[in-house]
Amino acid sequence: MNSPLPRVFVALDFPNAADALALAHRLDPRDCGLKIGKELFVSAGPEPVREMVARGFAVFLDLKFHDIPNTVAGACAAAARLGVAMMNVHASGGRAMLRAARDALDRTAGAGRRPLLIGVTVLTSLSDDDVHEIGFGESAAALARRLAVFAQSCGLDGVVCSAREAPELRAACGPAFKLVTPGIRPAAAATNDQVRIVTPEAALRNGADHLVVGRPVTHAADPVAALAAINASLAKAAA
């Protein structure tokens, strides 16, 4: 896949492959990419990933690898062989782990395009109080900025962050560094378990490159219409 990655990735956070594939079959690869996370991958394995890649979708494999460098390198290489467009690792895993992940993707890519390697900074479900409780003296935004700069220094392509933090991260890391933003909620949508949420239009204005949208699409009465409305709002915001 050599075309630009889609702006929106729909999070297929389903407990089984049948439900995930049923929704994927209703969506168009020209309108979105698909994010596959831990629940679906653990329950169904890599086959749904292969099927969605074969259907032309850009797949973001959201497994947030965090382990010793050799283990993470092997996992990233295996993910690349599935044909995914993007994957992530925890930026807090340390320089040796991040560099091992990047080197593994470089070796696996060969002549093809290497999947984007994205670092997880601070989960969008965490508030400042949560960050303090686990031992960090800084705010969630400050921690996200520090980890983003660190990830960039290790050769990663970008980070996962809240769109609230995107302007500061964009200023710190430059225009080429990818910002992938979950916690996206249209104005009328429920917040669910997210804390640092932003509307799609605001995320785009804040400098986000890729928006991860889950329940506002997957739980909508008409997911195709919900996705179309989000894409229309982004096109209007970008005009």
Protein backbone atom coordinates (compact mmCIF):
# COMPACT_ATOMS: atom_id res chain seq x y z
CA MET A 1 0.00 0.00 0.00
CA ASN A 2 1.71 3.17 -1.23
CA SER A 3 -1.19 5.63 -1.04
CA PRO A 4 -1.44 8.03 1.90
CA LEU A 5 -2.95 6.55 5.02
CA PRO A 6 -6.57 7.54 5.75
CA ARG A 7 -7.33 10.29 8.21
CA VAL A 8 -9.78 8.16 10.25
CA PHE A 9 -9.16 4.70 11.69
CA VAL A 10 -12.26 2.93 12.98
CA ALA A 11 -11.51 0.95 16.13
CA LEU A 12 -12.87 -2.59 15.77
CA ASP A 13 -13.01 -3.22 19.51
CA PHE A 14 -15.18 -6.32 19.28
CA PRO A 15 -14.91 -9.56 21.28
CA ASN A 16 -15.02 -11.81 18.23
CA ALA A 17 -14.07 -11.88 14.56
CA ALA A 18 -17.63 -12.31 13.28
CA ASP A 19 -18.82 -8.96 14.64
CA ALA A 20 -15.64 -7.17 13.56
CA LEU A 21 -15.75 -8.57 10.04
CA ALA A 22 -19.48 -7.85 9.72
CA LEU A 23 -18.78 -4.16 10.28
CA ALA A 24 -15.63 -4.15 8.15
CA HIS A 25 -17.60 -5.57 5.24
CA ARG A 26 -19.92 -2.54 5.41
CA LEU A 27 -17.07 -0.04 5.32
CA ASP A 28 -15.00 1.16 2.38
CA PRO A 29 -11.17 1.25 2.51
CA ARG A 30 -11.35 4.61 0.75
CA ASP A 31 -13.22 6.08 3.73
CA CYS A 32 -11.22 4.77 6.68
CA GLY A 33 -8.54 2.50 8.03
CA LEU A 34 -9.23 -0.09 10.72
CA LYS A 35 -7.69 -0.41 14.16
CA ILE A 36 -7.39 -3.85 15.69
CA GLY A 37 -6.63 -4.00 19.38
CA LYS A 38 -5.96 -6.53 22.09
CA GLU A 39 -9.46 -7.94 22.61
CA LEU A 40 -10.04 -8.92 18.99
CA PHE A 41 -6.45 -10.06 18.42
CA VAL A 42 -6.44 -12.27 21.52
CA SER A 43 -9.83 -13.81 20.72
CA ALA A 44 -9.37 -14.29 16.97
CA GLY A 45 -5.64 -14.17 16.27
CA PRO A 46 -4.06 -12.70 13.14
CA GLU A 47 -6.58 -13.97 10.58
CA PRO A 48 -8.91 -10.93 10.76
CA VAL A 49 -5.86 -8.73 10.21
CA ARG A 50 -4.90 -10.66 7.10
CA GLU A 51 -8.45 -10.54 5.77
CA MET A 52 -8.78 -6.79 6.27
CA VAL A 53 -5.40 -6.12 4.70
CA ALA A 54 -6.43 -8.29 1.74
CA ARG A 55 -9.60 -6.21 1.37
CA GLY A 56 -7.45 -3.10 0.97
CA PHE A 57 -7.77 -1.58 4.42
CA ALA A 58 -4.87 0.19 6.10
CA VAL A 59 -4.69 -1.62 9.44
CA PHE A 60 -3.39 -0.06 12.64
CA LEU A 61 -2.36 -2.94 14.91
CA ASP A 62 -2.88 -1.50 18.38
CA LEU A 63 -1.17 -4.01 20.67
CA LYS A 64 1.04 -1.51 22.54
CA PHE A 65 4.10 -3.74 22.76
CA HIS A 66 6.14 -3.26 25.95
CA ASP A 67 8.74 -5.88 26.87
CA ILE A 68 12.47 -6.55 26.65
CA PRO A 69 14.02 -5.31 23.38
CA ASN A 70 14.42 -8.71 21.73
CA THR A 71 10.81 -9.70 22.42
CA VAL A 72 9.41 -6.44 21.13
CA ALA A 73 11.61 -6.60 18.03
CA GLY A 74 10.28 -10.06 17.22
CA ALA A 75 6.68 -8.99 17.77
CA CYS A 76 7.08 -5.95 15.52
CA ALA A 77 8.65 -8.04 12.76
CA ALA A 78 5.77 -10.52 12.97
CA ALA A 79 3.25 -7.67 12.79
CA ALA A 80 4.99 -6.22 9.74
CA ARG A 81 4.73 -9.57 7.97
CA LEU A 82 0.95 -9.38 8.39
CA GLY A 83 0.97 -6.32 6.14
CA VAL A 84 -0.23 -3.77 8.67
CA ALA A 85 0.24 -0.08 7.93
CA MET A 86 0.92 1.05 11.49
CA MET A 87 1.69 -0.46 14.89
CA ASN A 88 2.55 0.87 18.32
CA VAL A 89 4.86 0.33 21.27
CA HIS A 90 4.94 2.00 24.68
CA ALA A 91 7.33 4.96 24.55
CA SER A 92 8.13 4.30 28.21
CA GLY A 93 9.79 1.01 27.24
CA GLY A 94 13.16 2.69 26.98
CA ARG A 95 15.64 3.60 24.25
CA ALA A 96 16.94 0.07 23.64
CA MET A 97 13.41 -1.29 23.18
CA LEU A 98 12.32 1.50 20.84
CA ARG A 99 15.44 1.23 18.69
CA ALA A 100 15.12 -2.55 18.53
CA ALA A 101 11.54 -2.17 17.31
CA ARG A 102 12.55 0.34 14.66
CA ASP A 103 15.49 -1.77 13.47
CA ALA A 104 13.28 -4.86 13.21
CA LEU A 105 10.82 -3.02 10.96
CA ASP A 106 13.64 -1.68 8.80
CA ARG A 107 14.95 -5.22 8.28
CA THR A 108 11.52 -6.70 7.61
CA ALA A 109 10.37 -4.07 5.13
CA GLY A 110 12.92 -4.88 2.45
CA ALA A 111 12.07 -2.89 -0.66
CA GLY A 112 8.50 -2.24 0.49
CA ARG A 113 7.17 0.55 2.63
CA ARG A 114 7.84 0.00 6.31
CA PRO A 115 4.84 0.20 8.65
CA LEU A 116 4.70 3.32 10.75
CA LEU A 117 6.02 2.79 14.26
CA ILE A 118 4.10 4.87 16.79
CA GLY A 119 4.90 5.36 20.47
CA VAL A 120 2.19 5.38 23.13
CA THR A 121 2.66 8.39 25.42
CA VAL A 122 -0.14 8.74 28.00
CA LEU A 123 -3.40 6.81 27.63
CA THR A 124 -6.36 9.11 26.97
CA SER A 125 -8.22 7.43 29.85
CA LEU A 126 -5.72 8.91 32.34
CA SER A 127 -6.21 12.24 34.09
CA ASP A 128 -3.55 14.33 35.80
CA ASP A 129 -4.55 12.72 39.10
CA ASP A 130 -4.07 9.26 37.61
CA VAL A 131 -0.62 10.21 36.31
CA HIS A 132 0.36 11.53 39.73
CA GLU A 133 -0.96 8.40 41.45
CA ILE A 134 1.35 6.14 39.44
CA GLY A 135 4.37 8.18 40.41
CA PHE A 136 4.86 10.99 37.89
CA GLY A 137 5.18 14.50 39.26
CA GLU A 138 4.16 16.20 36.03
CA SER A 139 0.83 16.64 34.29
CA ALA A 140 -0.43 14.22 31.66
CA ALA A 141 0.29 16.83 28.99
CA ALA A 142 3.86 17.40 30.18
CA LEU A 143 4.52 13.67 30.37
CA ALA A 144 3.12 13.17 26.86
CA ARG A 145 5.40 15.90 25.51
CA ARG A 146 8.47 14.44 27.19
CA LEU A 147 7.75 10.94 25.89
CA ALA A 148 7.02 12.23 22.38
CA VAL A 149 10.36 14.00 22.16
CA PHE A 150 12.06 10.89 23.51
CA ALA A 151 10.30 8.64 20.98
CA GLN A 152 11.35 10.91 18.14
CA SER A 153 14.96 10.77 19.31
CA CYS A 154 14.75 6.97 19.08
CA GLY A 155 13.65 7.04 15.45
CA LEU A 156 9.91 6.47 15.83
CA ASP A 157 7.56 7.93 13.24
CA GLY A 158 5.12 9.47 15.68
CA VAL A 159 3.12 8.97 18.85
CA VAL A 160 -0.33 8.25 20.13
CA CYS A 161 -1.55 11.19 22.19
CA SER A 162 -4.65 13.09 23.16
CA ALA A 163 -5.61 15.68 20.57
CA ARG A 164 -5.60 18.18 23.42
CA GLU A 165 -1.82 17.78 23.56
CA ALA A 166 -1.32 17.80 19.79
CA PRO A 167 -0.46 21.51 19.37
CA GLU A 168 2.37 21.35 21.90
CA LEU A 169 3.66 18.05 20.52
CA ARG A 170 3.51 19.40 16.98
CA ALA A 171 5.55 22.42 18.04
CA ALA A 172 8.07 20.22 19.84
CA CYS A 173 8.46 17.51 17.19
CA GLY A 174 7.85 19.26 13.86
CA PRO A 175 5.48 18.77 10.93
CA ALA A 176 6.67 15.33 9.76
CA PHE A 177 6.13 13.59 13.11
CA LYS A 178 2.82 11.69 13.08
CA LEU A 179 0.24 12.37 15.77
CA VAL A 180 -2.36 9.63 16.19
CA THR A 181 -5.23 10.69 18.42
CA PRO A 182 -7.76 8.40 20.12
CA GLY A 183 -10.43 9.77 22.45
CA ILE A 184 -12.26 11.32 19.50
CA ARG A 185 -15.90 12.08 20.19
CA PRO A 186 -18.34 14.06 18.02
CA ALA A 187 -19.99 16.84 20.00
CA ALA A 188 -23.15 14.87 20.82
CA ALA A 189 -21.44 11.54 21.61
CA ALA A 190 -21.00 9.98 25.04
CA THR A 191 -17.53 10.19 26.58
CA ASN A 192 -17.60 6.53 27.80
CA ASP A 193 -14.32 5.72 29.61
CA GLN A 194 -12.25 8.42 27.94
CA VAL A 195 -11.12 11.51 29.88
CA ARG A 196 -9.04 13.71 27.55
CA ILE A 197 -11.48 13.80 24.62
CA VAL A 198 -11.73 16.11 21.60
CA THR A 199 -14.13 16.49 18.67
CA PRO A 200 -12.90 15.38 15.22
CA GLU A 201 -12.81 18.96 13.93
CA ALA A 202 -10.84 20.21 16.94
CA ALA A 203 -8.39 17.30 16.64
CA LEU A 204 -7.69 18.24 13.04
CA ARG A 205 -7.22 21.91 13.90
CA ASN A 206 -4.88 20.90 16.73
CA GLY A 207 -2.57 19.13 14.30
CA ALA A 208 -3.61 15.47 14.48
CA ASP A 209 -2.66 13.35 11.47
CA HIS A 210 -4.82 10.30 12.17
CA LEU A 211 -7.95 10.05 14.32
CA VAL A 212 -9.00 6.81 16.00
CA VAL A 213 -12.78 6.63 16.35
CA GLY A 214 -14.49 3.69 18.03
CA ARG A 215 -17.89 3.68 19.65
CA PRO A 216 -19.28 6.78 17.87
CA VAL A 217 -19.08 4.64 14.71
CA THR A 218 -19.21 1.03 15.88
CA HIS A 219 -22.16 1.59 18.27
CA ALA A 220 -24.07 3.91 15.94
CA ALA A 221 -27.44 2.84 14.56
CA ASP A 222 -25.94 3.36 11.11
CA PRO A 223 -22.13 3.06 11.29
CA VAL A 224 -21.64 3.93 7.62
CA ALA A 225 -23.62 7.16 8.02
CA ALA A 226 -21.79 7.99 11.26
CA LEU A 227 -18.42 7.60 9.56
CA ALA A 228 -19.59 9.66 6.58
CA ALA A 229 -20.65 12.46 8.93
CA ILE A 230 -17.24 12.46 10.61
CA ASN A 231 -15.43 12.53 7.28
CA ALA A 232 -17.66 15.36 6.09
CA SER A 233 -16.95 17.36 9.22
CA LEU A 234 -13.20 16.85 8.71
CA ALA A 235 -13.40 17.94 5.07
CA LYS A 236 -15.24 21.07 6.14
CA ALA A 237 -12.73 21.80 8.90
CA ALA A 238 -9.83 21.36 6.46
CA ALA A 239 -11.35 23.67 3.81
